[in-house]
Amino acid sequence: IFTAKTRLRKGAVKLRPVDFAERTGFIKGLVKNIIHDPGRGAPMAEVVFHDPYRYKLKKERWVAVEGLHTGQFVYCGAKAQLTVGNVMPLGKMPEGTVVSMCEEKASDRGRLARASGCNCMVVGH
């Protein structure tokens, strides 16, 4: 019987759950580490955010895009700028923008273009 070795995996890769800070403005996070996840071709980035409601840190795991490095600040929200590593709604991006880890449905936390080398392009709104 063949079973996949899932014991050493680091965890699920998901975007932040959309909250008030992301819907109305933006929230700043810090890339703490870029790690290898066994069974995944793309590297993972550990991004740390301050919890807007409690005094604690929230750690999220994303697929690391090309150009993302440790110590970089990333911004999530409707008013974030269009730069490498930031998370923003597709409606705020100009046509022709290359994106990765895109949501298929609203707040499914990223379903499309998650493997290494995969990307999507914004064609129209």
Foldseek 3Di string as FASTA:
>chain_A
DDDDPPPQFDDDAFADQDDPCAAPHKFKWFFADWADGPPAQFIKTWIWGQDPPDGDIDIHIHGQDPPDDGGDMEMHHQHGDPDHPHHHDPVSDDFFDKAAQDDPDPRPGGDGHRGPPGIDTRHDD
